[in-house]
Full PDB file with SEQRES, HELIX, SHEET, SSBOND, CRYST1, ORIGX, SCALE, CONECT and MASTER records, all heavy atoms in Angstrom:
SEQRES   1 A   44  GLY ARG LYS VAL ALA ASN LEU VAL ARG ALA VAL ALA PHE          
SEQRES   2 A   44  ASP LYS PRO ALA VAL CYS VAL ASP VAL HIS VAL HIS ARG          
SEQRES   3 A   44  ILE CYS ASN ARG LEU GLY LEU ILE ARG THR LYS ASP PRO          
SEQRES   4 A   44  PHE ALA THR GLU MET                                          
HELIX    1 AA1 ARG A    2  PHE A   13  1                                  12    
HELIX    2 AA2 VAL A   22  LEU A   31  1                                  10    
HELIX    3 AA3 PRO A   39  GLU A   43  1                                   5    
CRYST1    1.000    1.000    1.000  90.00  90.00  90.00 P 1           1          
ORIGX1      1.000000  0.000000  0.000000        0.00000                         
ORIGX2      0.000000  1.000000  0.000000        0.00000                         
ORIGX3      0.000000  0.000000  1.000000        0.00000                         
SCALE1      1.000000  0.000000  0.000000        0.00000                         
SCALE2      0.000000  1.000000  0.000000        0.00000                         
SCALE3      0.000000  0.000000  1.000000        0.00000                         
ATOM      1  N   GLY A   1      -6.111   5.319  -6.725  1.00  0.00           N  
ATOM      2  CA  GLY A   1      -5.903   6.633  -6.133  1.00  0.00           C  
ATOM      3  C   GLY A   1      -4.936   7.418  -7.001  1.00  0.00           C  
ATOM      4  O   GLY A   1      -4.572   6.987  -8.108  1.00  0.00           O  
ATOM      5  N   ARG A   2      -4.484   8.549  -6.519  1.00  0.00           N  
ATOM      6  CA  ARG A   2      -3.630   9.408  -7.334  1.00  0.00           C  
ATOM      7  C   ARG A   2      -2.296   8.744  -7.653  1.00  0.00           C  
ATOM      8  O   ARG A   2      -1.754   8.908  -8.747  1.00  0.00           O  
ATOM      9  CB  ARG A   2      -3.404  10.758  -6.645  1.00  0.00           C  
ATOM     10  CG  ARG A   2      -4.644  11.638  -6.608  1.00  0.00           C  
ATOM     11  CD  ARG A   2      -4.284  13.071  -6.256  1.00  0.00           C  
ATOM     12  NE  ARG A   2      -3.495  13.717  -7.293  1.00  0.00           N  
ATOM     13  CZ  ARG A   2      -4.010  14.346  -8.346  1.00  0.00           C  
ATOM     14  NH1 ARG A   2      -5.315  14.387  -8.529  1.00  0.00           N  
ATOM     15  NH2 ARG A   2      -3.216  14.921  -9.237  1.00  0.00           N  
ATOM     16  N   LYS A   3      -1.728   7.999  -6.702  1.00  0.00           N  
ATOM     17  CA  LYS A   3      -0.447   7.348  -6.967  1.00  0.00           C  
ATOM     18  C   LYS A   3      -0.577   6.363  -8.120  1.00  0.00           C  
ATOM     19  O   LYS A   3       0.212   6.385  -9.069  1.00  0.00           O  
ATOM     20  CB  LYS A   3       0.057   6.614  -5.727  1.00  0.00           C  
ATOM     21  CG  LYS A   3       1.444   6.004  -5.911  1.00  0.00           C  
ATOM     22  CD  LYS A   3       1.802   5.037  -4.811  1.00  0.00           C  
ATOM     23  CE  LYS A   3       1.191   3.678  -5.099  1.00  0.00           C  
ATOM     24  NZ  LYS A   3       1.702   2.618  -4.214  1.00  0.00           N  
ATOM     25  N   VAL A   4      -1.587   5.506  -8.053  1.00  0.00           N  
ATOM     26  CA  VAL A   4      -1.807   4.521  -9.116  1.00  0.00           C  
ATOM     27  C   VAL A   4      -2.119   5.227 -10.434  1.00  0.00           C  
ATOM     28  O   VAL A   4      -1.584   4.864 -11.493  1.00  0.00           O  
ATOM     29  CB  VAL A   4      -2.942   3.548  -8.728  1.00  0.00           C  
ATOM     30  CG1 VAL A   4      -3.348   2.690  -9.930  1.00  0.00           C  
ATOM     31  CG2 VAL A   4      -2.511   2.660  -7.572  1.00  0.00           C  
ATOM     32  N   ALA A   5      -2.962   6.241 -10.384  1.00  0.00           N  
ATOM     33  CA  ALA A   5      -3.351   6.947 -11.605  1.00  0.00           C  
ATOM     34  C   ALA A   5      -2.147   7.594 -12.285  1.00  0.00           C  
ATOM     35  O   ALA A   5      -1.975   7.487 -13.509  1.00  0.00           O  
ATOM     36  CB  ALA A   5      -4.402   8.007 -11.274  1.00  0.00           C  
ATOM     37  N   ASN A   6      -1.315   8.259 -11.507  1.00  0.00           N  
ATOM     38  CA  ASN A   6      -0.129   8.891 -12.080  1.00  0.00           C  
ATOM     39  C   ASN A   6       0.819   7.867 -12.681  1.00  0.00           C  
ATOM     40  O   ASN A   6       1.403   8.087 -13.750  1.00  0.00           O  
ATOM     41  CB  ASN A   6       0.594   9.713 -11.013  1.00  0.00           C  
ATOM     42  CG  ASN A   6       0.036  11.107 -10.844  1.00  0.00           C  
ATOM     43  OD1 ASN A   6       0.177  11.962 -11.719  1.00  0.00           O  
ATOM     44  ND2 ASN A   6      -0.616  11.358  -9.721  1.00  0.00           N  
ATOM     45  N   LEU A   7       0.986   6.739 -11.999  1.00  0.00           N  
ATOM     46  CA  LEU A   7       1.902   5.711 -12.495  1.00  0.00           C  
ATOM     47  C   LEU A   7       1.378   5.085 -13.784  1.00  0.00           C  
ATOM     48  O   LEU A   7       2.136   4.849 -14.732  1.00  0.00           O  
ATOM     49  CB  LEU A   7       2.109   4.639 -11.420  1.00  0.00           C  
ATOM     50  CG  LEU A   7       3.272   3.664 -11.649  1.00  0.00           C  
ATOM     51  CD1 LEU A   7       4.582   4.414 -11.840  1.00  0.00           C  
ATOM     52  CD2 LEU A   7       3.391   2.708 -10.475  1.00  0.00           C  
ATOM     53  N   VAL A   8       0.075   4.816 -13.841  1.00  0.00           N  
ATOM     54  CA  VAL A   8      -0.515   4.263 -15.064  1.00  0.00           C  
ATOM     55  C   VAL A   8      -0.385   5.260 -16.218  1.00  0.00           C  
ATOM     56  O   VAL A   8      -0.025   4.884 -17.343  1.00  0.00           O  
ATOM     57  CB  VAL A   8      -1.992   3.885 -14.835  1.00  0.00           C  
ATOM     58  CG1 VAL A   8      -2.674   3.538 -16.160  1.00  0.00           C  
ATOM     59  CG2 VAL A   8      -2.094   2.708 -13.869  1.00  0.00           C  
ATOM     60  N   ARG A   9      -0.672   6.519 -15.947  1.00  0.00           N  
ATOM     61  CA  ARG A   9      -0.557   7.535 -17.004  1.00  0.00           C  
ATOM     62  C   ARG A   9       0.875   7.607 -17.537  1.00  0.00           C  
ATOM     63  O   ARG A   9       1.097   7.670 -18.756  1.00  0.00           O  
ATOM     64  CB  ARG A   9      -0.985   8.902 -16.463  1.00  0.00           C  
ATOM     65  CG  ARG A   9      -0.827  10.047 -17.456  1.00  0.00           C  
ATOM     66  CD  ARG A   9      -1.407  11.342 -16.900  1.00  0.00           C  
ATOM     67  NE  ARG A   9      -0.986  12.507 -17.669  1.00  0.00           N  
ATOM     68  CZ  ARG A   9      -1.540  12.891 -18.821  1.00  0.00           C  
ATOM     69  NH1 ARG A   9      -2.534  12.199 -19.325  1.00  0.00           N  
ATOM     70  NH2 ARG A   9      -1.103  13.965 -19.452  1.00  0.00           N  
ATOM     71  N   ALA A  10       1.849   7.558 -16.640  1.00  0.00           N  
ATOM     72  CA  ALA A  10       3.248   7.672 -17.050  1.00  0.00           C  
ATOM     73  C   ALA A  10       3.738   6.415 -17.762  1.00  0.00           C  
ATOM     74  O   ALA A  10       4.364   6.492 -18.828  1.00  0.00           O  
ATOM     75  CB  ALA A  10       4.127   7.969 -15.837  1.00  0.00           C  
ATOM     76  N   VAL A  11       3.471   5.250 -17.168  1.00  0.00           N  
ATOM     77  CA  VAL A  11       4.036   4.002 -17.691  1.00  0.00           C  
ATOM     78  C   VAL A  11       3.247   3.469 -18.876  1.00  0.00           C  
ATOM     79  O   VAL A  11       3.821   3.094 -19.897  1.00  0.00           O  
ATOM     80  CB  VAL A  11       4.127   2.940 -16.572  1.00  0.00           C  
ATOM     81  CG1 VAL A  11       4.627   1.619 -17.132  1.00  0.00           C  
ATOM     82  CG2 VAL A  11       5.050   3.414 -15.455  1.00  0.00           C  
ATOM     83  N   ALA A  12       1.932   3.423 -18.751  1.00  0.00           N  
ATOM     84  CA  ALA A  12       1.117   2.832 -19.812  1.00  0.00           C  
ATOM     85  C   ALA A  12       0.980   3.737 -21.032  1.00  0.00           C  
ATOM     86  O   ALA A  12       0.923   3.250 -22.168  1.00  0.00           O  
ATOM     87  CB  ALA A  12      -0.269   2.487 -19.271  1.00  0.00           C  
ATOM     88  N   PHE A  13       0.920   5.058 -20.791  1.00  0.00           N  
ATOM     89  CA  PHE A  13       0.641   5.980 -21.888  1.00  0.00           C  
ATOM     90  C   PHE A  13       1.789   6.943 -22.193  1.00  0.00           C  
ATOM     91  O   PHE A  13       1.679   7.758 -23.107  1.00  0.00           O  
ATOM     92  CB  PHE A  13      -0.634   6.769 -21.585  1.00  0.00           C  
ATOM     93  CG  PHE A  13      -1.845   5.888 -21.424  1.00  0.00           C  
ATOM     94  CD1 PHE A  13      -2.393   5.650 -20.176  1.00  0.00           C  
ATOM     95  CD2 PHE A  13      -2.419   5.269 -22.529  1.00  0.00           C  
ATOM     96  CE1 PHE A  13      -3.507   4.828 -20.020  1.00  0.00           C  
ATOM     97  CE2 PHE A  13      -3.531   4.446 -22.381  1.00  0.00           C  
ATOM     98  CZ  PHE A  13      -4.077   4.221 -21.134  1.00  0.00           C  
ATOM     99  N   ASP A  14       2.878   6.837 -21.420  1.00  0.00           N  
ATOM    100  CA  ASP A  14       4.045   7.700 -21.644  1.00  0.00           C  
ATOM    101  C   ASP A  14       3.665   9.176 -21.636  1.00  0.00           C  
ATOM    102  O   ASP A  14       4.156   9.982 -22.425  1.00  0.00           O  
ATOM    103  CB  ASP A  14       4.713   7.340 -22.976  1.00  0.00           C  
ATOM    104  CG  ASP A  14       6.174   7.807 -23.025  1.00  0.00           C  
ATOM    105  OD1 ASP A  14       6.827   7.857 -21.967  1.00  0.00           O  
ATOM    106  OD2 ASP A  14       6.651   8.136 -24.140  1.00  0.00           O  
ATOM    107  N   LYS A  15       2.757   9.521 -20.697  1.00  0.00           N  
ATOM    108  CA  LYS A  15       2.311  10.903 -20.536  1.00  0.00           C  
ATOM    109  C   LYS A  15       2.921  11.479 -19.255  1.00  0.00           C  
ATOM    110  O   LYS A  15       3.070  10.757 -18.263  1.00  0.00           O  
ATOM    111  CB  LYS A  15       0.783  10.964 -20.436  1.00  0.00           C  
ATOM    112  CG  LYS A  15       0.036  10.353 -21.615  1.00  0.00           C  
ATOM    113  CD  LYS A  15       0.029  11.254 -22.799  1.00  0.00           C  
ATOM    114  CE  LYS A  15      -0.892  10.709 -23.890  1.00  0.00           C  
ATOM    115  NZ  LYS A  15      -0.922  11.572 -25.089  1.00  0.00           N  
ATOM    116  N   PRO A  16       3.264  12.760 -19.240  1.00  0.00           N  
ATOM    117  CA  PRO A  16       3.853  13.355 -18.035  1.00  0.00           C  
ATOM    118  C   PRO A  16       2.929  13.223 -16.831  1.00  0.00           C  
ATOM    119  O   PRO A  16       1.743  13.554 -16.895  1.00  0.00           O  
ATOM    120  CB  PRO A  16       4.040  14.824 -18.423  1.00  0.00           C  
ATOM    121  CG  PRO A  16       4.113  14.820 -19.917  1.00  0.00           C  
ATOM    122  CD  PRO A  16       3.180  13.722 -20.353  1.00  0.00           C  
ATOM    123  N   ALA A  17       3.465  12.694 -15.739  1.00  0.00           N  
ATOM    124  CA  ALA A  17       2.708  12.520 -14.502  1.00  0.00           C  
ATOM    125  C   ALA A  17       3.685  12.400 -13.348  1.00  0.00           C  
ATOM    126  O   ALA A  17       4.733  11.773 -13.493  1.00  0.00           O  
ATOM    127  CB  ALA A  17       1.824  11.279 -14.576  1.00  0.00           C  
ATOM    128  N   VAL A  18       3.348  12.998 -12.226  1.00  0.00           N  
ATOM    129  CA  VAL A  18       4.204  12.947 -11.041  1.00  0.00           C  
ATOM    130  C   VAL A  18       3.627  11.919 -10.079  1.00  0.00           C  
ATOM    131  O   VAL A  18       2.677  12.205  -9.347  1.00  0.00           O  
ATOM    132  CB  VAL A  18       4.318  14.327 -10.360  1.00  0.00           C  
ATOM    133  CG1 VAL A  18       5.212  14.237  -9.133  1.00  0.00           C  
ATOM    134  CG2 VAL A  18       4.865  15.364 -11.337  1.00  0.00           C  
ATOM    135  N   CYS A  19       4.177  10.733 -10.105  1.00  0.00           N  
ATOM    136  CA  CYS A  19       3.716   9.666  -9.216  1.00  0.00           C  
ATOM    137  C   CYS A  19       4.491   9.729  -7.909  1.00  0.00           C  
ATOM    138  O   CYS A  19       5.732   9.719  -7.914  1.00  0.00           O  
ATOM    139  CB  CYS A  19       3.910   8.307  -9.878  1.00  0.00           C  
ATOM    140  SG  CYS A  19       3.430   6.935  -8.816  1.00  0.00           S  
ATOM    141  N   VAL A  20       3.774   9.791  -6.810  1.00  0.00           N  
ATOM    142  CA  VAL A  20       4.413   9.896  -5.497  1.00  0.00           C  
ATOM    143  C   VAL A  20       4.007   8.713  -4.633  1.00  0.00           C  
ATOM    144  O   VAL A  20       2.842   8.564  -4.263  1.00  0.00           O  
ATOM    145  CB  VAL A  20       4.035  11.212  -4.780  1.00  0.00           C  
ATOM    146  CG1 VAL A  20       4.623  11.243  -3.370  1.00  0.00           C  
ATOM    147  CG2 VAL A  20       4.526  12.403  -5.590  1.00  0.00           C  
ATOM    148  N   ASP A  21       4.967   7.846  -4.348  1.00  0.00           N  
ATOM    149  CA  ASP A  21       4.740   6.779  -3.380  1.00  0.00           C  
ATOM    150  C   ASP A  21       5.565   7.083  -2.138  1.00  0.00           C  
ATOM    151  O   ASP A  21       6.107   8.184  -1.990  1.00  0.00           O  
ATOM    152  CB  ASP A  21       5.077   5.409  -3.976  1.00  0.00           C  
ATOM    153  CG  ASP A  21       6.571   5.194  -4.141  1.00  0.00           C  
ATOM    154  OD1 ASP A  21       7.345   6.173  -4.046  1.00  0.00           O  
ATOM    155  OD2 ASP A  21       6.977   4.039  -4.348  1.00  0.00           O  
ATOM    156  N   VAL A  22       5.680   6.111  -1.225  1.00  0.00           N  
ATOM    157  CA  VAL A  22       6.380   6.370   0.037  1.00  0.00           C  
ATOM    158  C   VAL A  22       7.852   6.695  -0.197  1.00  0.00           C  
ATOM    159  O   VAL A  22       8.441   7.500   0.538  1.00  0.00           O  
ATOM    160  CB  VAL A  22       6.245   5.180   1.003  1.00  0.00           C  
ATOM    161  CG1 VAL A  22       4.810   5.041   1.476  1.00  0.00           C  
ATOM    162  CG2 VAL A  22       6.722   3.871   0.359  1.00  0.00           C  
ATOM    163  N   HIS A  23       8.465   6.076  -1.212  1.00  0.00           N  
ATOM    164  CA  HIS A  23       9.879   6.349  -1.493  1.00  0.00           C  
ATOM    165  C   HIS A  23      10.075   7.782  -1.978  1.00  0.00           C  
ATOM    166  O   HIS A  23      10.980   8.491  -1.515  1.00  0.00           O  
ATOM    167  CB  HIS A  23      10.409   5.373  -2.542  1.00  0.00           C  
ATOM    168  CG  HIS A  23      10.427   3.945  -2.094  1.00  0.00           C  
ATOM    169  ND1 HIS A  23      11.295   3.474  -1.133  1.00  0.00           N  
ATOM    170  CD2 HIS A  23       9.679   2.887  -2.475  1.00  0.00           C  
ATOM    171  CE1 HIS A  23      11.090   2.186  -0.946  1.00  0.00           C  
ATOM    172  NE2 HIS A  23      10.108   1.803  -1.743  1.00  0.00           N  
ATOM    173  N   VAL A  24       9.256   8.215  -2.926  1.00  0.00           N  
ATOM    174  CA  VAL A  24       9.378   9.572  -3.465  1.00  0.00           C  
ATOM    175  C   VAL A  24       9.132  10.597  -2.359  1.00  0.00           C  
ATOM    176  O   VAL A  24       9.882  11.571  -2.224  1.00  0.00           O  
ATOM    177  CB  VAL A  24       8.391   9.778  -4.630  1.00  0.00           C  
ATOM    178  CG1 VAL A  24       8.437  11.228  -5.126  1.00  0.00           C  
ATOM    179  CG2 VAL A  24       8.704   8.812  -5.771  1.00  0.00           C  
ATOM    180  N   HIS A  25       8.081  10.382  -1.581  1.00  0.00           N  
ATOM    181  CA  HIS A  25       7.774  11.310  -0.490  1.00  0.00           C  
ATOM    182  C   HIS A  25       8.921  11.382   0.506  1.00  0.00           C  
ATOM    183  O   HIS A  25       9.364  12.480   0.888  1.00  0.00           O  
ATOM    184  CB  HIS A  25       6.490  10.863   0.206  1.00  0.00           C  
ATOM    185  CG  HIS A  25       6.109  11.682   1.403  1.00  0.00           C  
ATOM    186  ND1 HIS A  25       5.799  13.028   1.311  1.00  0.00           N  
ATOM    187  CD2 HIS A  25       5.996  11.353   2.721  1.00  0.00           C  
ATOM    188  CE1 HIS A  25       5.506  13.495   2.517  1.00  0.00           C  
ATOM    189  NE2 HIS A  25       5.622  12.498   3.380  1.00  0.00           N  
ATOM    190  N   ARG A  26       9.424  10.223   0.922  1.00  0.00           N  
ATOM    191  CA  ARG A  26      10.484  10.184   1.922  1.00  0.00           C  
ATOM    192  C   ARG A  26      11.780  10.804   1.402  1.00  0.00           C  
ATOM    193  O   ARG A  26      12.386  11.652   2.060  1.00  0.00           O  
ATOM    194  CB  ARG A  26      10.760   8.728   2.337  1.00  0.00           C  
ATOM    195  CG  ARG A  26      11.874   8.576   3.372  1.00  0.00           C  
ATOM    196  CD  ARG A  26      12.178   7.128   3.699  1.00  0.00           C  
ATOM    197  NE  ARG A  26      12.878   6.429   2.621  1.00  0.00           N  
ATOM    198  CZ  ARG A  26      12.329   5.524   1.832  1.00  0.00           C  
ATOM    199  NH1 ARG A  26      11.062   5.203   1.959  1.00  0.00           N  
ATOM    200  NH2 ARG A  26      13.040   4.929   0.883  1.00  0.00           N  
ATOM    201  N   ILE A  27      12.222  10.400   0.221  1.00  0.00           N  
ATOM    202  CA  ILE A  27      13.532  10.819  -0.273  1.00  0.00           C  
ATOM    203  C   ILE A  27      13.542  12.300  -0.627  1.00  0.00           C  
ATOM    204  O   ILE A  27      14.516  13.011  -0.325  1.00  0.00           O  
ATOM    205  CB  ILE A  27      13.945   9.955  -1.475  1.00  0.00           C  
ATOM    206  CG1 ILE A  27      14.145   8.500  -1.034  1.00  0.00           C  
ATOM    207  CG2 ILE A  27      15.234  10.485  -2.105  1.00  0.00           C  
ATOM    208  CD1 ILE A  27      14.346   7.520  -2.173  1.00  0.00           C  
ATOM    209  N   CYS A  28      12.485  12.804  -1.262  1.00  0.00           N  
ATOM    210  CA  CYS A  28      12.457  14.231  -1.608  1.00  0.00           C  
ATOM    211  C   CYS A  28      12.497  15.103  -0.359  1.00  0.00           C  
ATOM    212  O   CYS A  28      13.142  16.168  -0.350  1.00  0.00           O  
ATOM    213  CB  CYS A  28      11.226  14.549  -2.439  1.00  0.00           C  
ATOM    214  SG  CYS A  28      11.295  13.909  -4.129  1.00  0.00           S  
ATOM    215  N   ASN A  29      11.833  14.651   0.710  1.00  0.00           N  
ATOM    216  CA  ASN A  29      11.901  15.402   1.961  1.00  0.00           C  
ATOM    217  C   ASN A  29      13.233  15.194   2.667  1.00  0.00           C  
ATOM    218  O   ASN A  29      13.786  16.134   3.256  1.00  0.00           O  
ATOM    219  CB  ASN A  29      10.741  14.982   2.877  1.00  0.00           C  
ATOM    220  CG  ASN A  29       9.457  15.714   2.563  1.00  0.00           C  
ATOM    221  OD1 ASN A  29       9.227  16.824   3.025  1.00  0.00           O  
ATOM    222  ND2 ASN A  29       8.614  15.094   1.737  1.00  0.00           N  
ATOM    223  N   ARG A  30      13.767  14.004   2.612  1.00  0.00           N  
ATOM    224  CA  ARG A  30      15.058  13.716   3.237  1.00  0.00           C  
ATOM    225  C   ARG A  30      16.168  14.530   2.590  1.00  0.00           C  
ATOM    226  O   ARG A  30      17.074  15.037   3.259  1.00  0.00           O  
ATOM    227  CB  ARG A  30      15.358  12.220   3.148  1.00  0.00           C  
ATOM    228  CG  ARG A  30      16.626  11.778   3.837  1.00  0.00           C  
ATOM    229  CD  ARG A  30      16.780  10.263   3.744  1.00  0.00           C  
ATOM    230  NE  ARG A  30      15.992   9.568   4.756  1.00  0.00           N  
ATOM    231  CZ  ARG A  30      15.838   8.241   4.815  1.00  0.00           C  
ATOM    232  NH1 ARG A  30      16.409   7.475   3.895  1.00  0.00           N  
ATOM    233  NH2 ARG A  30      15.122   7.698   5.776  1.00  0.00           N  
ATOM    234  N   LEU A  31      16.096  14.671   1.268  1.00  0.00           N  
ATOM    235  CA  LEU A  31      17.078  15.475   0.545  1.00  0.00           C  
ATOM    236  C   LEU A  31      16.963  16.955   0.886  1.00  0.00           C  
ATOM    237  O   LEU A  31      17.922  17.713   0.726  1.00  0.00           O  
ATOM    238  CB  LEU A  31      16.904  15.294  -0.962  1.00  0.00           C  
ATOM    239  CG  LEU A  31      17.349  13.966  -1.571  1.00  0.00           C  
ATOM    240  CD1 LEU A  31      16.849  13.848  -3.005  1.00  0.00           C  
ATOM    241  CD2 LEU A  31      18.870  13.825  -1.528  1.00  0.00           C  
ATOM    242  N   GLY A  32      15.781  17.367   1.339  1.00  0.00           N  
ATOM    243  CA  GLY A  32      15.543  18.776   1.601  1.00  0.00           C  
ATOM    244  C   GLY A  32      15.045  19.528   0.383  1.00  0.00           C  
ATOM    245  O   GLY A  32      14.960  20.760   0.391  1.00  0.00           O  
ATOM    246  N   LEU A  33      14.697  18.790  -0.688  1.00  0.00           N  
ATOM    247  CA  LEU A  33      14.184  19.430  -1.894  1.00  0.00           C  
ATOM    248  C   LEU A  33      12.834  20.076  -1.625  1.00  0.00           C  
ATOM    249  O   LEU A  33      12.522  21.155  -2.162  1.00  0.00           O  
ATOM    250  CB  LEU A  33      14.058  18.388  -3.018  1.00  0.00           C  
ATOM    251  CG  LEU A  33      13.489  18.859  -4.346  1.00  0.00           C  
ATOM    252  CD1 LEU A  33      14.372  19.944  -4.963  1.00  0.00           C  
ATOM    253  CD2 LEU A  33      13.337  17.675  -5.312  1.00  0.00           C  
ATOM    254  N   ILE A  34      12.020  19.413  -0.795  1.00  0.00           N  
ATOM    255  CA  ILE A  34      10.716  19.934  -0.410  1.00  0.00           C  
ATOM    256  C   ILE A  34      10.506  19.694   1.081  1.00  0.00           C  
ATOM    257  O   ILE A  34      11.252  18.926   1.700  1.00  0.00           O  
ATOM    258  CB  ILE A  34       9.570  19.263  -1.200  1.00  0.00           C  
ATOM    259  CG1 ILE A  34       9.636  17.735  -1.034  1.00  0.00           C  
ATOM    260  CG2 ILE A  34       9.614  19.659  -2.658  1.00  0.00           C  
ATOM    261  CD1 ILE A  34       8.514  16.986  -1.704  1.00  0.00           C  
ATOM    262  N   ARG A  35       9.489  20.322   1.647  1.00  0.00           N  
ATOM    263  CA  ARG A  35       9.093  20.085   3.031  1.00  0.00           C  
ATOM    264  C   ARG A  35       7.589  19.875   3.039  1.00  0.00           C  
ATOM    265  O   ARG A  35       6.811  20.822   3.076  1.00  0.00           O  
ATOM    266  CB  ARG A  35       9.471  21.283   3.933  1.00  0.00           C  
ATOM    267  CG  ARG A  35      10.955  21.587   4.004  1.00  0.00           C  
ATOM    268  CD  ARG A  35      11.717  20.477   4.680  1.00  0.00           C  
ATOM    269  NE  ARG A  35      13.147  20.801   4.818  1.00  0.00           N  
ATOM    270  CZ  ARG A  35      14.080  19.917   5.129  1.00  0.00           C  
ATOM    271  NH1 ARG A  35      13.746  18.645   5.335  1.00  0.00           N  
ATOM    272  NH2 ARG A  35      15.345  20.288   5.233  1.00  0.00           N  
ATOM    273  N   THR A  36       7.174  18.630   2.962  1.00  0.00           N  
ATOM    274  CA  THR A  36       5.741  18.317   2.891  1.00  0.00           C  
ATOM    275  C   THR A  36       5.393  17.234   3.897  1.00  0.00           C  
ATOM    276  O   THR A  36       6.253  16.469   4.339  1.00  0.00           O  
ATOM    277  CB  THR A  36       5.357  17.843   1.477  1.00  0.00           C  
ATOM    278  OG1 THR A  36       6.191  16.730   1.109  1.00  0.00           O  
ATOM    279  CG2 THR A  36       5.535  18.958   0.461  1.00  0.00           C  
ATOM    280  N   LYS A  37       4.100  17.151   4.220  1.00  0.00           N  
ATOM    281  CA  LYS A  37       3.663  16.226   5.269  1.00  0.00           C  
ATOM    282  C   LYS A  37       2.974  14.974   4.742  1.00  0.00           C  
ATOM    283  O   LYS A  37       2.766  14.026   5.493  1.00  0.00           O  
ATOM    284  CB  LYS A  37       2.737  16.962   6.247  1.00  0.00           C  
ATOM    285  CG  LYS A  37       3.451  18.036   7.059  1.00  0.00           C  
ATOM    286  CD  LYS A  37       2.536  18.632   8.118  1.00  0.00           C  
ATOM    287  CE  LYS A  37       3.285  19.643   8.970  1.00  0.00           C  
ATOM    288  NZ  LYS A  37       2.417  20.226  10.032  1.00  0.00           N  
ATOM    289  N   ASP A  38       2.581  14.971   3.471  1.00  0.00           N  
ATOM    290  CA  ASP A  38       1.888  13.802   2.940  1.00  0.00           C  
ATOM    291  C   ASP A  38       2.139  13.707   1.436  1.00  0.00           C  
ATOM    292  O   ASP A  38       2.581  14.677   0.805  1.00  0.00           O  
ATOM    293  CB  ASP A  38       0.391  13.864   3.237  1.00  0.00           C  
ATOM    294  CG  ASP A  38      -0.274  15.108   2.678  1.00  0.00           C  
ATOM    295  OD1 ASP A  38      -0.313  15.261   1.439  1.00  0.00           O  
ATOM    296  OD2 ASP A  38      -0.740  15.944   3.485  1.00  0.00           O  
ATOM    297  N   PRO A  39       1.881  12.523   0.838  1.00  0.00           N  
ATOM    298  CA  PRO A  39       2.163  12.330  -0.584  1.00  0.00           C  
ATOM    299  C   PRO A  39       1.440  13.294  -1.514  1.00  0.00           C  
ATOM    300  O   PRO A  39       2.003  13.703  -2.537  1.00  0.00           O  
ATOM    301  CB  PRO A  39       1.723  10.879  -0.834  1.00  0.00           C  
ATOM    302  CG  PRO A  39       1.927  10.206   0.491  1.00  0.00           C  
ATOM    303  CD  PRO A  39       1.524  11.247   1.504  1.00  0.00           C  
ATOM    304  N   PHE A  40       0.198  13.664  -1.190  1.00  0.00           N  
ATOM    305  CA  PHE A  40      -0.512  14.609  -2.053  1.00  0.00           C  
ATOM    306  C   PHE A  40       0.204  15.957  -2.089  1.00  0.00           C  
ATOM    307  O   PHE A  40       0.396  16.539  -3.158  1.00  0.00           O  
ATOM    308  CB  PHE A  40      -1.951  14.799  -1.577  1.00  0.00           C  
ATOM    309  CG  PHE A  40      -2.725  15.790  -2.424  1.00  0.00           C  
ATOM    310  CD1 PHE A  40      -3.193  15.429  -3.672  1.00  0.00           C  
ATOM    311  CD2 PHE A  40      -2.963  17.074  -1.962  1.00  0.00           C  
ATOM    312  CE1 PHE A  40      -3.897  16.341  -4.464  1.00  0.00           C  
ATOM    313  CE2 PHE A  40      -3.658  17.993  -2.739  1.00  0.00           C  
ATOM    314  CZ  PHE A  40      -4.133  17.618  -4.001  1.00  0.00           C  
ATOM    315  N   ALA A  41       0.620  16.436  -0.912  1.00  0.00           N  
ATOM    316  CA  ALA A  41       1.353  17.700  -0.866  1.00  0.00           C  
ATOM    317  C   ALA A  41       2.677  17.584  -1.616  1.00  0.00           C  
ATOM    318  O   ALA A  41       3.123  18.538  -2.270  1.00  0.00           O  
ATOM    319  CB  ALA A  41       1.595  18.114   0.581  1.00  0.00           C  
ATOM    320  N   THR A  42       3.305  16.408  -1.533  1.00  0.00           N  
ATOM    321  CA  THR A  42       4.555  16.191  -2.265  1.00  0.00           C  
ATOM    322  C   THR A  42       4.318  16.244  -3.766  1.00  0.00           C  
ATOM    323  O   THR A  42       5.088  16.865  -4.506  1.00  0.00           O  
ATOM    324  CB  THR A  42       5.163  14.829  -1.881  1.00  0.00           C  
ATOM    325  OG1 THR A  42       5.538  14.855  -0.503  1.00  0.00           O  
ATOM    326  CG2 THR A  42       6.392  14.513  -2.716  1.00  0.00           C  
ATOM    327  N   GLU A  43       3.246  15.603  -4.228  1.00  0.00           N  
ATOM    328  CA  GLU A  43       2.936  15.657  -5.659  1.00  0.00           C  
ATOM    329  C   GLU A  43       2.741  17.092  -6.130  1.00  0.00           C  
ATOM    330  O   GLU A  43       3.290  17.509  -7.162  1.00  0.00           O  
ATOM    331  CB  GLU A  43       1.676  14.848  -5.960  1.00  0.00           C  
ATOM    332  CG  GLU A  43       1.300  14.883  -7.440  1.00  0.00           C  
ATOM    333  CD  GLU A  43      -0.073  14.297  -7.729  1.00  0.00           C  
ATOM    334  OE1 GLU A  43      -0.569  13.469  -6.937  1.00  0.00           O  
ATOM    335  OE2 GLU A  43      -0.654  14.674  -8.780  1.00  0.00           O  
ATOM    336  N   MET A  44       1.974  17.870  -5.378  1.00  0.00           N  
ATOM    337  CA  MET A  44       1.708  19.251  -5.778  1.00  0.00           C  
ATOM    338  C   MET A  44       2.992  20.091  -5.770  1.00  0.00           C  
ATOM    339  O   MET A  44       3.218  20.913  -6.661  1.00  0.00           O  
ATOM    340  CB  MET A  44       0.669  19.874  -4.847  1.00  0.00           C  
ATOM    341  CG  MET A  44      -0.712  19.226  -4.927  1.00  0.00           C  
ATOM    342  SD  MET A  44      -1.464  19.272  -6.595  1.00  0.00           S  
ATOM    343  CE  MET A  44      -1.312  17.527  -7.072  1.00  0.00           C  
TER     344      MET A  44                                                      
MASTER        0    0    0    3    0    0    0    6  343    1    0    4          
END                                                                             
């Protein structure tokens, strides 16, 4: 899925990619940096 794809692109190929898992989604919203309801919205 998008999470795996972004992580592979970033880690395996050192290409810019925004990988969003449960930690990224939770912490970015907890910090108040963004207000999103799901990981896809967080990535965007």
